[in-house]
Every structure is written in structure tokens, then in C-alpha cells.
Amino acid sequence: MPLFKGSFFLRNAKQTGEIRKMLIFLDIDGTLTDMRGVIPDSAAEALAAAKAKGHRLIIGSGRSMCEIYPHMRESGLFSGYVAGAGAYVELDGKVLRDRPMPPAMTARVMCWLQDNGADFICECNDFMYEYRNSIDYLIEGAVRRLGEGERERIQANYAKIVRKICAGDFSRGEAYHFAETHDVNKILYYHSTCPASGMQKQMPGCLVLPSSFLKGQSGTGEISEMGVSKADGVRLIREALGVPENQTMAFGDGANDREMLQAAGISVAMGNANPDLKTLADYVTDDYDKNGIRNAFRHFGLC
């Protein structure tokens, strides 16, 4: 059952009408969709109904733009995108922010990961660039969860957006050249023998988080620039539209959704969210695949 943390603001929002014309930020994986990228019918219907009532829907994802499912971008439901965990922000086709990691930082992280035997992927807006065959780990993780019958489809999807950093290992000079010529939003890593806390100390200026895609796997995570988060997108889009904070909502389930939920007037954690996120949220709905989006939208009178 959903959990509602009662507060004066939330109780009165529905009564006073403040809840109308909301700006709604939604994470993708584990919030809107399953690992196939499928939005449950109940969620799709709730999104369409909310849009028809005048609410604005914004994707707020750790995925870079190249990874956001085409069917979402072509649906007409979403007014904007917060992508790359806040590195890229777009509203009504206009780019409000494009802030990749500083090239020197990107190159240092790449070299450290290579020197320590980790595999990794650099996420850009146009493509994902893999070191060695790192995309295989994403593919295998997805196949383990979805079944062998999905392998061909998963491989085909990644083949469209994945490129190589280089043929094999790279020198420091090659790493710096790559970083100077590619705008990297964040870096996914695998098989690190150094714990995240140790990696954090080795990478000043960076933020090391658990993977939002391959959850619960040791030695796997995401590295981005410290201080860049989905909260930046909430603020930039809100200010661009002149929307007050108390008319913003955010939905999420993972560690990289924390700042986005904190930046919104109303924060909603999915039933399948991690415990820390549920603790800080104003409202906890059901799991994404148990009508969580629809039930929360109905609770707040959005659809």
C-alpha cells in the first residue's frame, strides 16, 4: 500500500487548487518503465490525462539523450528533458544547459579506470563510447533480468548508439585527446576492485554513485562531476517557465534521483525505490509495475 507522509502543504494543496498546472519531473528506469523501456498502460493513460489537463511532463533521467527511448521522445507527452543526470537540460526544443564533465577530469577518470583494470563507458549526448567491450556488461545484465529471448533486440538497440573509444588500450595523450573532442556527461564503470568510497577519494571533483541501471552489482557505478545533478534541471526549467517551487513534483526510485526529489515542491518515491529515497519523499506510491504512477497521479488529482 502507498505510504503518505502527511504535511500541512500537501493536505492543503488539493483543497486550495495549488496542485493545478503542475510541472512534473519523472525518472525513467524503475519509475516510468521496466528494463524493456515499456511504460505500463496505466502510467501511459495517466500521463496523457495529466497533459490534457495542462500539466507539463518532463523526463528527469541519468540517461544521456542518445539513451532516451525514441518512443518517449516521439510521443508528444514530454515538454522537456533533464538528461545525463543534469548535465543536459532541454525545454520545448531549446537547450537550457549543456555542461559535460571538464575534459581534464574526464581524461583523469578514464586513465585511473584503465590503470585499475575497470571497464567503462563514456556517455555523450550523441553516442555512448565504450572501452574494450564494456557494453557487453550492460547487455548481459539486461538479458539476465529479461531473458535470453530479448538478447537480439537489446543488442540491436545498443548497436545504434555505441561506438569505441579506440581499438584497445589508450595512452594518456589519447585519453586527453578523446576528452577534448567528446562532450562526456558521465562515465559508467564495471569490475572495479576499489570500493566506491575509495574511488571517491581518488577522484576529487567527481561524484561516484551506485549504478542506476545495474542495481546491486558490486564494482559497478556511475561517475559524474560533483555538483551537477537532476536538481539543476528542476531549477532551470522551473525558472524558464516562471513556475513556483510549490507547483513542481518529482518522481524517482534511485540514488541519482535524491537531489531531484529534494528540489521539487512535492517528492514521490516509487514503491520499488531504495529505502533512503522513501524516507525523504513526501509520498510513497506503489511499484512502477503495480500502477504506481497512475495511483500517485490520482492521489494528487493530476488525472
Protein backbone atom coordinates (compact mmCIF):
# COMPACT_ATOMS: atom_id res chain seq x y z
CA MET A 1 0.00 0.00 0.00
CA PRO A 2 1.19 3.55 -0.67
CA LEU A 3 2.60 5.49 2.24
CA PHE A 4 1.62 9.15 2.70
CA LYS A 5 3.74 11.33 4.93
CA GLY A 6 1.14 13.91 5.89
CA SER A 7 2.10 17.57 5.84
CA PHE A 8 0.20 20.84 6.00
CA PHE A 9 1.27 21.79 2.48
CA LEU A 10 0.20 18.55 0.85
CA ARG A 11 -3.12 18.39 2.67
CA ASN A 12 -3.96 21.91 1.59
CA ALA A 13 -2.60 21.73 -1.95
CA LYS A 14 -5.55 19.72 -3.22
CA GLN A 15 -8.05 21.91 -1.33
CA THR A 16 -6.70 25.29 -2.48
CA GLY A 17 -6.07 24.39 -6.11
CA GLU A 18 -2.31 24.99 -5.88
CA ILE A 19 -1.82 21.49 -7.26
CA ARG A 20 -3.15 22.54 -10.68
CA LYS A 21 -0.89 23.18 -13.67
CA MET A 22 1.98 21.28 -12.14
CA LEU A 23 5.46 20.83 -13.56
CA ILE A 24 6.16 17.10 -13.17
CA PHE A 25 9.64 15.53 -13.41
CA LEU A 26 9.80 11.77 -13.97
CA ASP A 27 12.75 9.38 -13.87
CA ILE A 28 12.72 6.60 -16.48
CA ASP A 29 14.14 3.25 -15.29
CA GLY A 30 12.17 1.82 -12.39
CA THR A 31 9.84 4.83 -12.35
CA LEU A 32 8.20 5.13 -15.77
CA THR A 33 9.43 1.92 -17.38
CA ASP A 34 10.79 -1.56 -16.96
CA MET A 35 14.14 -2.58 -18.46
CA ARG A 36 12.49 -3.04 -21.86
CA GLY A 37 11.57 0.61 -21.89
CA VAL A 38 7.88 -0.27 -21.69
CA ILE A 39 5.60 2.22 -19.94
CA PRO A 40 2.74 0.34 -18.23
CA ASP A 41 -0.65 1.06 -19.80
CA SER A 42 -1.93 2.59 -16.57
CA ALA A 43 1.01 5.01 -16.46
CA ALA A 44 0.68 5.94 -20.15
CA GLU A 45 -3.00 6.71 -19.65
CA ALA A 46 -2.27 8.80 -16.54
CA LEU A 47 0.44 10.77 -18.35
CA ALA A 48 -1.86 11.53 -21.28
CA ALA A 49 -4.68 12.58 -18.97
CA ALA A 50 -2.38 14.84 -16.94
CA LYS A 51 -1.04 16.50 -20.08
CA ALA A 52 -4.58 17.06 -21.33
CA LYS A 53 -5.35 18.87 -18.06
CA GLY A 54 -2.50 21.29 -18.66
CA HIS A 55 0.27 19.78 -16.57
CA ARG A 56 3.77 19.74 -18.05
CA LEU A 57 5.69 16.45 -18.05
CA ILE A 58 9.50 16.45 -18.01
CA ILE A 59 11.84 13.47 -18.25
CA GLY A 60 14.48 13.58 -15.48
CA SER A 61 16.96 10.80 -16.18
CA GLY A 62 20.51 9.68 -15.60
CA ARG A 63 20.44 8.53 -19.23
CA SER A 64 22.07 10.82 -21.77
CA MET A 65 19.94 11.96 -24.69
CA CYS A 66 21.10 9.16 -27.00
CA GLU A 67 19.77 6.61 -24.48
CA ILE A 68 16.30 8.06 -24.03
CA TYR A 69 13.89 5.77 -25.83
CA PRO A 70 12.76 7.09 -29.24
CA HIS A 71 9.15 6.24 -28.46
CA MET A 72 9.29 8.63 -25.48
CA ARG A 73 10.80 11.46 -27.49
CA GLU A 74 8.26 10.93 -30.27
CA SER A 75 5.22 10.53 -28.01
CA GLY A 76 4.44 14.23 -27.68
CA LEU A 77 3.89 13.76 -23.95
CA PHE A 78 7.05 15.43 -22.68
CA SER A 79 7.84 19.14 -22.81
CA GLY A 80 11.47 18.74 -21.87
CA TYR A 81 14.38 16.60 -20.74
CA VAL A 82 16.84 16.60 -17.89
CA ALA A 83 19.42 14.11 -19.18
CA GLY A 84 22.87 12.89 -18.22
CA ALA A 85 21.88 13.29 -14.53
CA GLY A 86 21.56 17.05 -15.03
CA ALA A 87 24.39 17.72 -17.47
CA TYR A 88 21.91 18.44 -20.29
CA VAL A 89 18.60 20.31 -19.97
CA GLU A 90 16.15 20.98 -22.79
CA LEU A 91 12.72 22.65 -22.77
CA ASP A 92 10.38 22.91 -25.75
CA GLY A 93 13.27 22.13 -28.10
CA LYS A 94 15.54 24.81 -26.61
CA VAL A 95 18.76 23.79 -24.83
CA LEU A 96 18.93 25.44 -21.41
CA ARG A 97 22.11 23.69 -20.36
CA ASP A 98 24.82 21.56 -21.91
CA ARG A 99 27.52 21.04 -19.30
CA PRO A 100 29.71 18.00 -19.92
CA MET A 101 32.43 16.98 -17.50
CA PRO A 102 35.59 19.14 -17.84
CA PRO A 103 37.91 17.40 -20.35
CA ALA A 104 40.81 17.17 -17.88
CA MET A 105 38.53 15.48 -15.35
CA THR A 106 37.20 13.04 -17.95
CA ALA A 107 40.71 12.09 -19.06
CA ARG A 108 41.93 11.57 -15.48
CA VAL A 109 38.99 9.31 -14.69
CA MET A 110 39.49 7.31 -17.89
CA CYS A 111 43.18 6.79 -17.10
CA TRP A 112 42.51 5.83 -13.49
CA LEU A 113 39.87 3.28 -14.52
CA GLN A 114 42.15 1.75 -17.16
CA ASP A 115 45.11 1.63 -14.75
CA ASN A 116 42.94 -0.14 -12.18
CA GLY A 117 41.56 -2.78 -14.53
CA ALA A 118 38.00 -1.46 -14.72
CA ASP A 119 35.88 -1.39 -17.84
CA PHE A 120 33.79 1.68 -18.59
CA ILE A 121 31.53 3.61 -20.96
CA CYS A 122 31.59 7.36 -21.59
CA GLU A 123 28.09 8.74 -22.11
CA CYS A 124 27.66 11.63 -24.56
CA ASN A 125 24.51 13.17 -26.00
CA ASP A 126 25.03 11.60 -29.41
CA PHE A 127 26.63 8.22 -28.61
CA MET A 128 27.96 6.00 -25.83
CA TYR A 129 31.70 5.30 -26.20
CA GLU A 130 32.92 2.01 -24.77
CA TYR A 131 36.36 0.97 -23.54
CA ARG A 132 37.12 -2.53 -24.87
CA ASN A 133 33.77 -4.36 -24.94
CA SER A 134 32.18 -2.70 -21.92
CA ILE A 135 28.71 -2.55 -23.45
CA ASP A 136 28.59 -6.34 -23.11
CA TYR A 137 28.13 -5.93 -19.35
CA LEU A 138 25.05 -3.78 -19.86
CA ILE A 139 23.70 -6.27 -22.37
CA GLU A 140 24.32 -9.27 -20.12
CA GLY A 141 22.74 -7.51 -17.16
CA ALA A 142 19.65 -6.75 -19.18
CA VAL A 143 19.47 -10.32 -20.56
CA ARG A 144 19.73 -11.78 -17.05
CA ARG A 145 16.70 -9.78 -16.00
CA LEU A 146 14.64 -10.00 -19.18
CA GLY A 147 15.51 -13.42 -20.54
CA GLU A 148 17.57 -14.85 -23.37
CA GLY A 149 14.76 -14.20 -25.83
CA GLU A 150 15.42 -10.46 -25.52
CA ARG A 151 19.12 -10.64 -26.38
CA GLU A 152 18.83 -9.85 -30.09
CA ARG A 153 16.59 -6.85 -29.50
CA ILE A 154 18.85 -5.48 -26.75
CA GLN A 155 21.96 -5.91 -28.88
CA ALA A 156 20.30 -4.19 -31.84
CA ASN A 157 19.26 -1.22 -29.70
CA TYR A 158 22.77 -0.68 -28.34
CA ALA A 159 24.37 -1.17 -31.76
CA LYS A 160 22.68 2.06 -32.87
CA ILE A 161 24.20 4.23 -30.15
CA VAL A 162 27.52 2.62 -29.10
CA ARG A 163 30.94 3.48 -30.54
CA LYS A 164 34.51 2.60 -29.49
CA ILE A 165 36.84 4.97 -27.65
CA CYS A 166 39.68 3.28 -29.53
CA ALA A 167 40.65 -0.20 -30.75
CA GLY A 168 42.21 -1.27 -27.45
CA ASP A 169 44.04 0.37 -24.56
CA PHE A 170 44.90 4.06 -24.83
CA SER A 171 47.79 6.27 -23.80
CA ARG A 172 47.33 9.31 -21.58
CA GLY A 173 47.72 11.51 -24.62
CA GLU A 174 44.95 9.61 -26.41
CA ALA A 175 42.71 9.87 -23.35
CA TYR A 176 43.14 13.64 -23.25
CA HIS A 177 42.50 13.92 -26.99
CA PHE A 178 39.29 11.92 -26.65
CA ALA A 179 38.15 14.07 -23.72
CA GLU A 180 38.91 17.27 -25.61
CA THR A 181 36.92 16.18 -28.66
CA HIS A 182 33.92 14.50 -26.98
CA ASP A 183 31.47 16.05 -24.53
CA VAL A 184 31.11 13.38 -21.82
CA ASN A 185 28.20 13.73 -19.40
CA LYS A 186 29.15 10.86 -17.11
CA ILE A 187 31.05 7.59 -17.04
CA LEU A 188 29.68 4.14 -16.22
CA TYR A 189 32.22 1.70 -14.78
CA TYR A 190 32.37 -2.06 -14.16
CA HIS A 191 34.57 -4.54 -12.32
CA SER A 192 36.30 -2.00 -10.11
CA THR A 193 38.20 -3.70 -7.30
CA CYS A 194 38.26 -0.38 -5.44
CA PRO A 195 35.10 0.34 -3.38
CA ALA A 196 33.10 3.44 -4.27
CA SER A 197 34.32 5.24 -1.14
CA GLY A 198 37.92 4.66 -2.17
CA MET A 199 37.21 5.75 -5.72
CA GLN A 200 35.64 8.94 -4.42
CA LYS A 201 38.90 9.81 -2.66
CA GLN A 202 40.88 9.11 -5.82
CA MET A 203 38.69 11.38 -7.95
CA PRO A 204 38.44 14.90 -6.47
CA GLY A 205 35.67 16.93 -8.02
CA CYS A 206 33.77 13.81 -9.08
CA LEU A 207 30.67 12.18 -7.65
CA VAL A 208 30.67 8.36 -7.51
CA LEU A 209 27.24 6.73 -7.21
CA PRO A 210 25.85 3.18 -7.47
CA SER A 211 24.64 2.24 -10.93
CA SER A 212 21.04 3.30 -11.57
CA PHE A 213 20.72 0.57 -14.22
CA LEU A 214 22.61 -2.48 -12.91
CA LYS A 215 21.42 -2.12 -9.35
CA GLY A 216 23.01 -4.11 -6.57
CA GLN A 217 26.06 -5.26 -8.55
CA SER A 218 29.37 -4.75 -6.76
CA GLY A 219 32.18 -2.91 -8.52
CA THR A 220 29.68 -1.10 -10.74
CA GLY A 221 28.68 2.54 -10.65
CA GLU A 222 28.46 5.97 -12.25
CA ILE A 223 30.90 8.89 -12.14
CA SER A 224 29.90 12.48 -12.88
CA GLU A 225 31.00 15.97 -11.99
CA MET A 226 30.39 16.93 -8.35
CA GLY A 227 27.62 19.50 -8.02
CA VAL A 228 25.84 18.52 -11.24
CA SER A 229 22.51 16.79 -10.61
CA LYS A 230 18.95 16.46 -11.79
CA ALA A 231 18.08 19.25 -9.35
CA ASP A 232 19.73 21.69 -11.78
CA GLY A 233 17.16 20.71 -14.39
CA VAL A 234 14.28 21.23 -11.99
CA ARG A 235 15.55 24.73 -11.18
CA LEU A 236 16.38 25.75 -14.76
CA ILE A 237 13.07 24.59 -16.24
CA ARG A 238 11.06 25.99 -13.36
CA GLU A 239 12.72 29.39 -13.74
CA ALA A 240 12.34 29.37 -17.53
CA LEU A 241 8.60 28.82 -17.18
CA GLY A 242 8.12 31.06 -14.16
CA VAL A 243 6.66 28.20 -12.12
CA PRO A 244 6.88 28.47 -8.31
CA GLU A 245 8.54 25.65 -6.40
CA ASN A 246 5.27 24.55 -4.81
CA GLN A 247 3.90 23.71 -8.26
CA THR A 248 6.66 21.21 -9.03
CA MET A 249 6.66 17.46 -8.44
CA ALA A 250 9.34 14.81 -8.91
CA PHE A 251 9.06 11.02 -9.16
CA GLY A 252 12.01 8.64 -8.75
CA ASP A 253 13.36 5.38 -7.40
CA GLY A 254 17.18 5.54 -7.29
CA ALA A 255 20.18 7.23 -5.69
CA ASN A 256 20.60 9.73 -8.52
CA ASP A 257 17.00 10.91 -8.02
CA ARG A 258 17.65 12.23 -4.49
CA GLU A 259 18.53 15.81 -5.45
CA MET A 260 15.67 16.00 -7.95
CA LEU A 261 13.16 14.97 -5.31
CA GLN A 262 14.64 17.41 -2.81
CA ALA A 263 14.39 20.27 -5.33
CA ALA A 264 10.68 19.73 -6.03
CA GLY A 265 7.78 21.05 -4.03
CA ILE A 266 6.29 17.55 -3.79
CA SER A 267 8.51 14.46 -3.92
CA VAL A 268 7.19 10.99 -4.75
CA ALA A 269 9.17 7.76 -4.35
CA MET A 270 8.11 4.61 -6.16
CA GLY A 271 7.25 1.53 -4.11
CA ASN A 272 10.33 -0.16 -5.56
CA ALA A 273 12.58 2.78 -4.59
CA ASN A 274 15.55 2.35 -2.28
CA PRO A 275 14.78 2.88 1.42
CA ASP A 276 16.70 6.16 1.69
CA LEU A 277 14.64 7.73 -1.07
CA LYS A 278 11.40 6.62 0.57
CA THR A 279 12.48 8.25 3.82
CA LEU A 280 12.94 11.70 2.28
CA ALA A 281 9.88 11.57 -0.02
CA ASP A 282 6.60 13.30 0.82
CA TYR A 283 4.66 10.42 -0.66
CA VAL A 284 5.47 6.79 -1.45
CA THR A 285 3.35 5.22 -4.16
CA ASP A 286 3.21 1.62 -5.43
CA ASP A 287 5.85 -0.10 -7.58
CA TYR A 288 6.21 1.16 -11.16
CA ASP A 289 4.70 -2.12 -12.47
CA LYS A 290 1.84 -2.07 -9.94
CA ASN A 291 0.18 1.13 -11.18
CA GLY A 292 2.46 3.35 -9.10
CA ILE A 293 2.38 6.33 -11.47
CA ARG A 294 -1.36 6.18 -12.03
CA ASN A 295 -2.13 5.79 -8.33
CA ALA A 296 0.05 8.77 -7.38
CA PHE A 297 -1.39 10.92 -10.18
CA ARG A 298 -4.91 10.10 -8.97
CA HIS A 299 -3.96 10.79 -5.36
CA PHE A 300 -2.84 14.31 -6.26
CA GLY A 301 -5.69 14.96 -8.70
CA LEU A 302 -3.41 15.14 -11.73
CA CYS A 303 -5.52 12.89 -13.96
